[in-house]
Amino acid sequence: MRKVNLVDIFKHHITRKYLRRSGVHHAVTAAQYAFEIAVDKGVHVDHAAKAALLHDIGHYEWYNNEGEWDYDEYRQNDIHAIKGAERAHKLLIRLGEDRVAAKEISVAILLHTDSYLPFSLEGKQTPLQEVITQADNKDEQPKGLHHYKQMEVSEAIQELHKLDQQIDTILSKETVPNKFIG
């Protein structure tokens, strides 16, 4: 039995605050993709969906002097994965998530992109980290436009509730406790 579900995470005021910046639609879509990819790859579906939902909560808003989004400035100076991993860990612990799970989810957020690193992560990620990268990339659009797709809060809760049910179904069928370790 999971201690914390996706709807609980989404409804928390901290999550809602930061997902407004990075895009609710993108977060929910990435969580859905992560679930699908995790099922295919035998990765822990709950951890994958949680990490994907929270993967961009560290985003900052980078605007130029005219008040327009400066994508190039963002790409050059972004460290959202670092800030997001910290925020996610603190949030998950507050919500009562298992400490080992909270760390694994947070590290997957930290390493879902190498945009802030002076080296590539290719071939260096765990299976869970790879799932989050793939889920994020699957929804990505040029110039960060995926962050501006709209989704009503009620629709997001409805979609996450369905995803929670799918996760519970998979986890209830699990016969080997460590089958979905990511």
C-alpha atoms as a PDB file:
ATOM      1  CA  MET A   1       0.000   0.000   0.000  1.00  0.00           C
ATOM      2  CA  ARG A   2       1.311   3.409  -0.982  1.00  0.00           C
ATOM      3  CA  LYS A   3       1.705   6.039   1.731  1.00  0.00           C
ATOM      4  CA  VAL A   4       1.175   8.949  -0.666  1.00  0.00           C
ATOM      5  CA  ASN A   5      -0.648   9.043  -3.980  1.00  0.00           C
ATOM      6  CA  LEU A   6      -0.426  11.423  -6.949  1.00  0.00           C
ATOM      7  CA  VAL A   7      -3.616  13.292  -6.096  1.00  0.00           C
ATOM      8  CA  ASP A   8      -2.304  13.950  -2.559  1.00  0.00           C
ATOM      9  CA  ILE A   9       0.911  15.324  -4.032  1.00  0.00           C
ATOM     10  CA  PHE A  10      -0.883  17.452  -6.608  1.00  0.00           C
ATOM     11  CA  LYS A  11      -3.323  18.966  -4.112  1.00  0.00           C
ATOM     12  CA  HIS A  12      -0.546  20.195  -1.819  1.00  0.00           C
ATOM     13  CA  HIS A  13      -0.146  23.974  -2.045  1.00  0.00           C
ATOM     14  CA  ILE A  14       3.607  23.719  -2.693  1.00  0.00           C
ATOM     15  CA  THR A  15       3.064  21.459  -5.698  1.00  0.00           C
ATOM     16  CA  ARG A  16       0.329  23.672  -7.104  1.00  0.00           C
ATOM     17  CA  LYS A  17       2.467  26.798  -6.676  1.00  0.00           C
ATOM     18  CA  TYR A  18       5.398  25.419  -8.636  1.00  0.00           C
ATOM     19  CA  LEU A  19       3.434  23.494 -11.239  1.00  0.00           C
ATOM     20  CA  ARG A  20       1.801  26.784 -12.236  1.00  0.00           C
ATOM     21  CA  ARG A  21       5.285  27.871 -13.355  1.00  0.00           C
ATOM     22  CA  SER A  22       6.296  24.706 -15.166  1.00  0.00           C
ATOM     23  CA  GLY A  23       2.882  23.689 -16.448  1.00  0.00           C
ATOM     24  CA  VAL A  24       0.246  21.422 -14.970  1.00  0.00           C
ATOM     25  CA  HIS A  25      -0.474  19.846 -18.355  1.00  0.00           C
ATOM     26  CA  HIS A  26       3.185  18.937 -18.871  1.00  0.00           C
ATOM     27  CA  ALA A  27       3.506  17.483 -15.354  1.00  0.00           C
ATOM     28  CA  VAL A  28       0.406  15.312 -15.663  1.00  0.00           C
ATOM     29  CA  THR A  29       1.280  14.199 -19.188  1.00  0.00           C
ATOM     30  CA  ALA A  30       4.842  13.333 -18.151  1.00  0.00           C
ATOM     31  CA  ALA A  31       3.474  11.294 -15.218  1.00  0.00           C
ATOM     32  CA  GLN A  32       1.219   9.359 -17.593  1.00  0.00           C
ATOM     33  CA  TYR A  33       4.088   8.715 -20.009  1.00  0.00           C
ATOM     34  CA  ALA A  34       6.376   7.680 -17.150  1.00  0.00           C
ATOM     35  CA  PHE A  35       3.810   5.153 -15.951  1.00  0.00           C
ATOM     36  CA  GLU A  36       3.537   3.612 -19.433  1.00  0.00           C
ATOM     37  CA  ILE A  37       7.307   3.495 -19.947  1.00  0.00           C
ATOM     38  CA  ALA A  38       7.871   2.101 -16.431  1.00  0.00           C
ATOM     39  CA  VAL A  39       5.386  -0.716 -17.060  1.00  0.00           C
ATOM     40  CA  ASP A  40       7.217  -1.612 -20.292  1.00  0.00           C
ATOM     41  CA  LYS A  41      10.647  -1.502 -18.650  1.00  0.00           C
ATOM     42  CA  GLY A  42       9.779  -3.117 -15.315  1.00  0.00           C
ATOM     43  CA  VAL A  43      10.579   0.036 -13.338  1.00  0.00           C
ATOM     44  CA  HIS A  44       8.701   0.939 -10.148  1.00  0.00           C
ATOM     45  CA  VAL A  45       5.548   2.556 -11.543  1.00  0.00           C
ATOM     46  CA  ASP A  46       4.708   4.579  -8.432  1.00  0.00           C
ATOM     47  CA  HIS A  47       8.155   6.127  -8.181  1.00  0.00           C
ATOM     48  CA  ALA A  48       8.199   6.834 -11.918  1.00  0.00           C
ATOM     49  CA  ALA A  49       4.842   8.607 -11.919  1.00  0.00           C
ATOM     50  CA  LYS A  50       5.706  10.668  -8.830  1.00  0.00           C
ATOM     51  CA  ALA A  51       9.101  11.711 -10.170  1.00  0.00           C
ATOM     52  CA  ALA A  52       7.625  12.662 -13.534  1.00  0.00           C
ATOM     53  CA  LEU A  53       4.803  14.648 -11.929  1.00  0.00           C
ATOM     54  CA  LEU A  54       7.327  16.636  -9.880  1.00  0.00           C
ATOM     55  CA  HIS A  55      10.266  16.713 -12.301  1.00  0.00           C
ATOM     56  CA  ASP A  56       9.949  20.420 -13.162  1.00  0.00           C
ATOM     57  CA  ILE A  57       8.930  21.954  -9.821  1.00  0.00           C
ATOM     58  CA  GLY A  58      12.317  23.644  -9.621  1.00  0.00           C
ATOM     59  CA  HIS A  59      11.743  25.864 -12.657  1.00  0.00           C
ATOM     60  CA  TYR A  60      12.474  29.548 -12.456  1.00  0.00           C
ATOM     61  CA  GLU A  61      10.924  32.115 -14.738  1.00  0.00           C
ATOM     62  CA  TRP A  62      13.459  33.751 -17.033  1.00  0.00           C
ATOM     63  CA  TYR A  63      12.160  36.977 -18.549  1.00  0.00           C
ATOM     64  CA  ASN A  64      14.000  39.616 -20.563  1.00  0.00           C
ATOM     65  CA  ASN A  65      13.737  43.392 -20.043  1.00  0.00           C
ATOM     66  CA  GLU A  66      10.578  43.509 -22.177  1.00  0.00           C
ATOM     67  CA  GLY A  67       8.849  40.978 -19.918  1.00  0.00           C
ATOM     68  CA  GLU A  68       8.996  38.170 -22.478  1.00  0.00           C
ATOM     69  CA  TRP A  69      10.177  34.618 -21.767  1.00  0.00           C
ATOM     70  CA  ASP A  70      13.862  34.339 -22.663  1.00  0.00           C
ATOM     71  CA  TYR A  71      14.323  30.688 -23.560  1.00  0.00           C
ATOM     72  CA  ASP A  72      18.015  31.102 -24.426  1.00  0.00           C
ATOM     73  CA  GLU A  73      18.746  32.750 -21.057  1.00  0.00           C
ATOM     74  CA  TYR A  74      16.859  29.952 -19.336  1.00  0.00           C
ATOM     75  CA  ARG A  75      18.801  27.223 -21.179  1.00  0.00           C
ATOM     76  CA  GLN A  76      22.119  28.889 -20.372  1.00  0.00           C
ATOM     77  CA  ASN A  77      21.498  29.434 -16.650  1.00  0.00           C
ATOM     78  CA  ASP A  78      18.920  26.844 -15.641  1.00  0.00           C
ATOM     79  CA  ILE A  79      19.409  24.630 -12.579  1.00  0.00           C
ATOM     80  CA  HIS A  80      15.769  23.587 -12.165  1.00  0.00           C
ATOM     81  CA  ALA A  81      16.611  19.925 -11.624  1.00  0.00           C
ATOM     82  CA  ILE A  82      18.702  20.781  -8.559  1.00  0.00           C
ATOM     83  CA  LYS A  83      16.055  23.009  -7.005  1.00  0.00           C
ATOM     84  CA  GLY A  84      13.285  20.595  -8.022  1.00  0.00           C
ATOM     85  CA  ALA A  85      14.960  17.606  -6.389  1.00  0.00           C
ATOM     86  CA  GLU A  86      15.261  19.552  -3.148  1.00  0.00           C
ATOM     87  CA  ARG A  87      11.646  20.744  -3.240  1.00  0.00           C
ATOM     88  CA  ALA A  88      10.345  17.291  -4.141  1.00  0.00           C
ATOM     89  CA  HIS A  89      12.243  15.587  -1.326  1.00  0.00           C
ATOM     90  CA  LYS A  90      11.015  18.042   1.290  1.00  0.00           C
ATOM     91  CA  LEU A  91       7.432  17.799  -0.017  1.00  0.00           C
ATOM     92  CA  LEU A  92       7.387  14.009  -0.149  1.00  0.00           C
ATOM     93  CA  ILE A  93       8.756  13.703   3.383  1.00  0.00           C
ATOM     94  CA  ARG A  94       6.153  16.204   4.660  1.00  0.00           C
ATOM     95  CA  LEU A  95       3.400  14.161   3.021  1.00  0.00           C
ATOM     96  CA  GLY A  96       4.640  10.975   4.727  1.00  0.00           C
ATOM     97  CA  GLU A  97       6.366   9.256   1.830  1.00  0.00           C
ATOM     98  CA  ASP A  98       8.787   6.470   2.679  1.00  0.00           C
ATOM     99  CA  ARG A  99      12.248   8.018   3.097  1.00  0.00           C
ATOM    100  CA  VAL A 100      13.971   5.599   0.722  1.00  0.00           C
ATOM    101  CA  ALA A 101      11.308   6.202  -1.926  1.00  0.00           C
ATOM    102  CA  ALA A 102      11.499   9.983  -1.409  1.00  0.00           C
ATOM    103  CA  LYS A 103      15.247   9.897  -1.999  1.00  0.00           C
ATOM    104  CA  GLU A 104      14.984   7.697  -5.100  1.00  0.00           C
ATOM    105  CA  ILE A 105      12.259   9.918  -6.582  1.00  0.00           C
ATOM    106  CA  SER A 106      14.223  13.088  -5.795  1.00  0.00           C
ATOM    107  CA  VAL A 107      17.443  11.767  -7.320  1.00  0.00           C
ATOM    108  CA  ALA A 108      15.482  10.825 -10.455  1.00  0.00           C
ATOM    109  CA  ILE A 109      14.298  14.446 -10.620  1.00  0.00           C
ATOM    110  CA  LEU A 110      17.859  15.676 -10.108  1.00  0.00           C
ATOM    111  CA  LEU A 111      19.131  13.529 -12.961  1.00  0.00           C
ATOM    112  CA  HIS A 112      16.228  13.752 -15.430  1.00  0.00           C
ATOM    113  CA  THR A 113      18.247  16.240 -17.481  1.00  0.00           C
ATOM    114  CA  ASP A 114      21.897  17.071 -17.971  1.00  0.00           C
ATOM    115  CA  SER A 115      21.210  20.608 -19.212  1.00  0.00           C
ATOM    116  CA  TYR A 116      22.941  22.081 -16.147  1.00  0.00           C
ATOM    117  CA  LEU A 117      25.856  19.644 -16.115  1.00  0.00           C
ATOM    118  CA  PRO A 118      29.199  19.978 -17.941  1.00  0.00           C
ATOM    119  CA  PHE A 119      28.849  16.352 -19.130  1.00  0.00           C
ATOM    120  CA  SER A 120      26.237  14.024 -20.569  1.00  0.00           C
ATOM    121  CA  LEU A 121      24.267  11.572 -18.447  1.00  0.00           C
ATOM    122  CA  GLU A 122      23.892   9.146 -21.322  1.00  0.00           C
ATOM    123  CA  GLY A 123      24.631   5.639 -20.111  1.00  0.00           C
ATOM    124  CA  LYS A 124      24.964   6.824 -16.495  1.00  0.00           C
ATOM    125  CA  GLN A 125      21.334   6.923 -15.365  1.00  0.00           C
ATOM    126  CA  THR A 126      19.453   4.288 -13.402  1.00  0.00           C
ATOM    127  CA  PRO A 127      16.409   2.776 -15.127  1.00  0.00           C
ATOM    128  CA  LEU A 128      14.104   5.081 -13.121  1.00  0.00           C
ATOM    129  CA  GLN A 129      16.099   8.164 -14.122  1.00  0.00           C
ATOM    130  CA  GLU A 130      15.976   7.056 -17.766  1.00  0.00           C
ATOM    131  CA  VAL A 131      12.188   6.678 -17.561  1.00  0.00           C
ATOM    132  CA  ILE A 132      11.802  10.248 -16.276  1.00  0.00           C
ATOM    133  CA  THR A 133      14.066  11.605 -19.005  1.00  0.00           C
ATOM    134  CA  GLN A 134      12.131   9.715 -21.677  1.00  0.00           C
ATOM    135  CA  ALA A 135       8.745  10.812 -20.313  1.00  0.00           C
ATOM    136  CA  ASP A 136       9.873  14.444 -20.188  1.00  0.00           C
ATOM    137  CA  ASN A 137      11.325  14.314 -23.691  1.00  0.00           C
ATOM    138  CA  LYS A 138       8.208  12.636 -25.085  1.00  0.00           C
ATOM    139  CA  ASP A 139       6.120  15.718 -24.201  1.00  0.00           C
ATOM    140  CA  GLU A 140       8.780  18.328 -25.015  1.00  0.00           C
ATOM    141  CA  GLN A 141       8.161  21.021 -27.627  1.00  0.00           C
ATOM    142  CA  PRO A 142      10.566  23.557 -29.174  1.00  0.00           C
ATOM    143  CA  LYS A 143      11.409  26.638 -27.115  1.00  0.00           C
ATOM    144  CA  GLY A 144       9.753  25.167 -24.013  1.00  0.00           C
ATOM    145  CA  LEU A 145       6.220  25.522 -25.369  1.00  0.00           C
ATOM    146  CA  HIS A 146       5.153  22.328 -23.572  1.00  0.00           C
ATOM    147  CA  HIS A 147       5.233  24.351 -20.344  1.00  0.00           C
ATOM    148  CA  TYR A 148       2.445  26.592 -21.640  1.00  0.00           C
ATOM    149  CA  LYS A 149      -0.151  23.970 -22.549  1.00  0.00           C
ATOM    150  CA  GLN A 150      -3.207  24.463 -20.367  1.00  0.00           C
ATOM    151  CA  MET A 151      -5.069  22.012 -18.155  1.00  0.00           C
ATOM    152  CA  GLU A 152      -7.736  22.838 -15.600  1.00  0.00           C
ATOM    153  CA  VAL A 153      -7.037  21.775 -12.034  1.00  0.00           C
ATOM    154  CA  SER A 154     -10.178  19.625 -11.985  1.00  0.00           C
ATOM    155  CA  GLU A 155      -9.048  17.794 -15.130  1.00  0.00           C
ATOM    156  CA  ALA A 156      -5.569  17.268 -13.663  1.00  0.00           C
ATOM    157  CA  ILE A 157      -7.048  15.770 -10.488  1.00  0.00           C
ATOM    158  CA  GLN A 158      -9.305  13.515 -12.541  1.00  0.00           C
ATOM    159  CA  GLU A 159      -6.386  12.293 -14.700  1.00  0.00           C
ATOM    160  CA  LEU A 160      -4.149  11.748 -11.673  1.00  0.00           C
ATOM    161  CA  HIS A 161      -6.910   9.842  -9.898  1.00  0.00           C
ATOM    162  CA  LYS A 162      -7.145   7.481 -12.896  1.00  0.00           C
ATOM    163  CA  LEU A 163      -3.372   7.104 -12.875  1.00  0.00           C
ATOM    164  CA  ASP A 164      -3.410   6.376  -9.126  1.00  0.00           C
ATOM    165  CA  GLN A 165      -5.905   3.580  -9.780  1.00  0.00           C
ATOM    166  CA  GLN A 166      -3.694   2.129 -12.519  1.00  0.00           C
ATOM    167  CA  ILE A 167      -0.677   2.235 -10.201  1.00  0.00           C
ATOM    168  CA  ASP A 168      -2.622   0.556  -7.406  1.00  0.00           C
ATOM    169  CA  THR A 169      -3.727  -2.183  -9.812  1.00  0.00           C
ATOM    170  CA  ILE A 170      -0.139  -2.858 -10.916  1.00  0.00           C
ATOM    171  CA  LEU A 171       1.210  -2.811  -7.364  1.00  0.00           C
ATOM    172  CA  SER A 172      -1.541  -5.115  -6.089  1.00  0.00           C
ATOM    173  CA  LYS A 173      -0.577  -7.698  -8.724  1.00  0.00           C
ATOM    174  CA  GLU A 174       3.079  -7.516  -7.762  1.00  0.00           C
ATOM    175  CA  THR A 175       4.184 -10.918  -6.553  1.00  0.00           C
ATOM    176  CA  VAL A 176       7.879 -10.283  -6.082  1.00  0.00           C
ATOM    177  CA  PRO A 177       8.420  -7.312  -3.730  1.00  0.00           C
ATOM    178  CA  ASN A 178      11.456  -5.934  -5.604  1.00  0.00           C
ATOM    179  CA  LYS A 179      10.182  -6.505  -9.131  1.00  0.00           C
ATOM    180  CA  PHE A 180       9.766  -2.805  -9.900  1.00  0.00           C
ATOM    181  CA  ILE A 181      12.893  -1.384  -8.319  1.00  0.00           C
ATOM    182  CA  GLY A 182      14.078   1.519 -10.443  1.00  0.00           C
END
